[in-house]
C-alpha atoms as a PDB file:
ATOM      1  CA  MET A   1     -64.600  54.260  30.224  1.00  0.00           C
ATOM      2  CA  ALA A   2     -60.858  53.570  30.491  1.00  0.00           C
ATOM      3  CA  LYS A   3     -58.316  56.064  29.207  1.00  0.00           C
ATOM      4  CA  HIS A   4     -55.336  54.861  27.196  1.00  0.00           C
ATOM      5  CA  VAL A   5     -52.157  56.652  28.166  1.00  0.00           C
ATOM      6  CA  ILE A   6     -49.302  56.773  25.688  1.00  0.00           C
ATOM      7  CA  GLN A   7     -46.004  57.325  27.398  1.00  0.00           C
ATOM      8  CA  LYS A   8     -43.183  59.134  25.685  1.00  0.00           C
ATOM      9  CA  HIS A   9     -39.954  57.107  25.499  1.00  0.00           C
ATOM     10  CA  GLU A  10     -36.789  58.819  26.666  1.00  0.00           C
ATOM     11  CA  GLU A  11     -34.662  56.902  24.159  1.00  0.00           C
ATOM     12  CA  PRO A  12     -35.470  56.587  20.464  1.00  0.00           C
ATOM     13  CA  VAL A  13     -37.138  53.279  19.645  1.00  0.00           C
ATOM     14  CA  SER A  14     -35.273  51.186  17.097  1.00  0.00           C
ATOM     15  CA  HIS A  15     -37.405  49.350  14.573  1.00  0.00           C
ATOM     16  CA  SER A  16     -34.635  46.974  13.473  1.00  0.00           C
ATOM     17  CA  HIS A  17     -34.868  44.671  16.546  1.00  0.00           C
ATOM     18  CA  LYS A  18     -31.905  42.659  15.266  1.00  0.00           C
ATOM     19  CA  ASP A  19     -31.599  40.814  18.591  1.00  0.00           C
ATOM     20  CA  ASN A  20     -35.186  39.605  18.255  1.00  0.00           C
ATOM     21  CA  GLU A  21     -34.864  38.597  14.611  1.00  0.00           C
ATOM     22  CA  LEU A  22     -35.767  34.954  14.130  1.00  0.00           C
ATOM     23  CA  LEU A  23     -33.521  32.816  11.951  1.00  0.00           C
ATOM     24  CA  THR A  24     -34.264  29.495  10.290  1.00  0.00           C
ATOM     25  CA  VAL A  25     -32.315  26.305  10.947  1.00  0.00           C
ATOM     26  CA  ARG A  26     -30.731  26.649   7.500  1.00  0.00           C
ATOM     27  CA  GLU A  27     -29.607  30.259   8.157  1.00  0.00           C
ATOM     28  CA  VAL A  28     -28.015  29.267  11.471  1.00  0.00           C
ATOM     29  CA  SER A  29     -26.409  26.197   9.909  1.00  0.00           C
ATOM     30  CA  GLN A  30     -24.875  28.297   7.150  1.00  0.00           C
ATOM     31  CA  ALA A  31     -23.526  30.833   9.657  1.00  0.00           C
ATOM     32  CA  LEU A  32     -21.964  28.030  11.733  1.00  0.00           C
ATOM     33  CA  ARG A  33     -20.849  26.108   8.639  1.00  0.00           C
ATOM     34  CA  VAL A  34     -22.515  22.886   9.756  1.00  0.00           C
ATOM     35  CA  ASP A  35     -25.219  20.680   8.283  1.00  0.00           C
ATOM     36  CA  ASP A  36     -28.897  21.359   9.069  1.00  0.00           C
ATOM     37  CA  THR A  37     -29.059  17.968  10.798  1.00  0.00           C
ATOM     38  CA  THR A  38     -26.313  19.029  13.211  1.00  0.00           C
ATOM     39  CA  THR A  39     -28.162  22.228  14.103  1.00  0.00           C
ATOM     40  CA  ARG A  40     -31.389  20.279  14.670  1.00  0.00           C
ATOM     41  CA  ARG A  41     -29.506  17.791  16.891  1.00  0.00           C
ATOM     42  CA  TRP A  42     -28.072  20.653  18.966  1.00  0.00           C
ATOM     43  CA  ILE A  43     -31.583  22.069  19.398  1.00  0.00           C
ATOM     44  CA  LYS A  44     -33.055  18.695  20.416  1.00  0.00           C
ATOM     45  CA  ASN A  45     -30.179  18.085  22.864  1.00  0.00           C
ATOM     46  CA  GLY A  46     -30.634  21.527  24.442  1.00  0.00           C
ATOM     47  CA  ALA A  47     -27.235  22.834  23.311  1.00  0.00           C
ATOM     48  CA  LEU A  48     -28.862  25.521  21.140  1.00  0.00           C
ATOM     49  CA  GLU A  49     -31.890  27.467  22.336  1.00  0.00           C
ATOM     50  CA  ALA A  50     -34.707  27.618  19.784  1.00  0.00           C
ATOM     51  CA  ILE A  51     -38.411  28.309  19.464  1.00  0.00           C
ATOM     52  CA  SER A  52     -40.585  25.396  18.306  1.00  0.00           C
ATOM     53  CA  LEU A  53     -43.214  26.357  15.769  1.00  0.00           C
ATOM     54  CA  PRO A  54     -46.476  24.495  15.242  1.00  0.00           C
ATOM     55  CA  HIS A  55     -46.144  22.048  12.382  1.00  0.00           C
ATOM     56  CA  VAL A  56     -48.116  19.518  10.415  1.00  0.00           C
ATOM     57  CA  GLY A  57     -45.426  17.919   8.259  1.00  0.00           C
ATOM     58  CA  LYS A  58     -42.695  15.416   9.025  1.00  0.00           C
ATOM     59  CA  ARG A  59     -40.179  17.821  10.535  1.00  0.00           C
ATOM     60  CA  GLN A  60     -40.459  20.068  13.549  1.00  0.00           C
ATOM     61  CA  ALA A  61     -39.961  23.702  12.563  1.00  0.00           C
ATOM     62  CA  TYR A  62     -37.669  25.862  14.696  1.00  0.00           C
ATOM     63  CA  ARG A  63     -36.562  29.483  14.821  1.00  0.00           C
ATOM     64  CA  ILE A  64     -33.436  30.724  16.542  1.00  0.00           C
ATOM     65  CA  ARG A  65     -33.061  34.275  17.826  1.00  0.00           C
ATOM     66  CA  SER A  66     -30.206  36.133  16.150  1.00  0.00           C
ATOM     67  CA  ALA A  67     -28.994  37.170  19.620  1.00  0.00           C
ATOM     68  CA  THR A  68     -28.546  33.469  20.464  1.00  0.00           C
ATOM     69  CA  LEU A  69     -26.452  32.957  17.335  1.00  0.00           C
ATOM     70  CA  ASP A  70     -24.418  36.108  18.053  1.00  0.00           C
ATOM     71  CA  LEU A  71     -23.728  34.894  21.584  1.00  0.00           C
ATOM     72  CA  LEU A  72     -22.610  31.516  20.270  1.00  0.00           C
ATOM     73  CA  LEU A  73     -20.342  33.084  17.651  1.00  0.00           C
ATOM     74  CA  ASN A  74     -18.769  35.466  20.178  1.00  0.00           C
ATOM     75  CA  THR A  75     -18.164  32.865  22.899  1.00  0.00           C
ATOM     76  CA  GLN A  76     -14.539  31.993  23.495  1.00  0.00           C
ATOM     77  CA  PRO A  77     -13.747  28.278  23.222  1.00  0.00           C
ATOM     78  CA  VAL A  78     -13.131  26.462  26.479  1.00  0.00           C
ATOM     79  CA  GLU A  79      -9.717  24.870  26.689  1.00  0.00           C
ATOM     80  CA  THR A  80      -9.610  21.332  27.934  1.00  0.00           C
ATOM     81  CA  HIS A  81      -6.500  20.124  29.688  1.00  0.00           C
ATOM     82  CA  LYS A  82      -5.804  16.586  28.635  1.00  0.00           C
ATOM     83  CA  SER A  83      -2.937  14.748  30.129  1.00  0.00           C
ATOM     84  CA  HIS A  84      -0.465  13.571  27.536  1.00  0.00           C
ATOM     85  CA  ASP A  85       1.297  11.483  30.140  1.00  0.00           C
ATOM     86  CA  LYS A  86       0.188   7.870  29.609  1.00  0.00           C
ATOM     87  CA  ARG A  87       1.730   5.924  32.471  1.00  0.00           C
END
């Protein structure tokens, strides 16, 4: 007979798990102020990490971790240096 050992955590366990919260395509689209179609395109192109859910209908269902959205919102834009000199 196996014994189950419950270990005491040193740090308090948070039950909010905000980083693991799963958001819908619509919620992410609203946060980014883009259309749902744009968010779905980013997911399909690999620009936005998402979890694919099993589906039966026409559309693939996705969920995006809130930590992924937070990272995207807190990322500094990359400056591109375009030459204005047209010789």
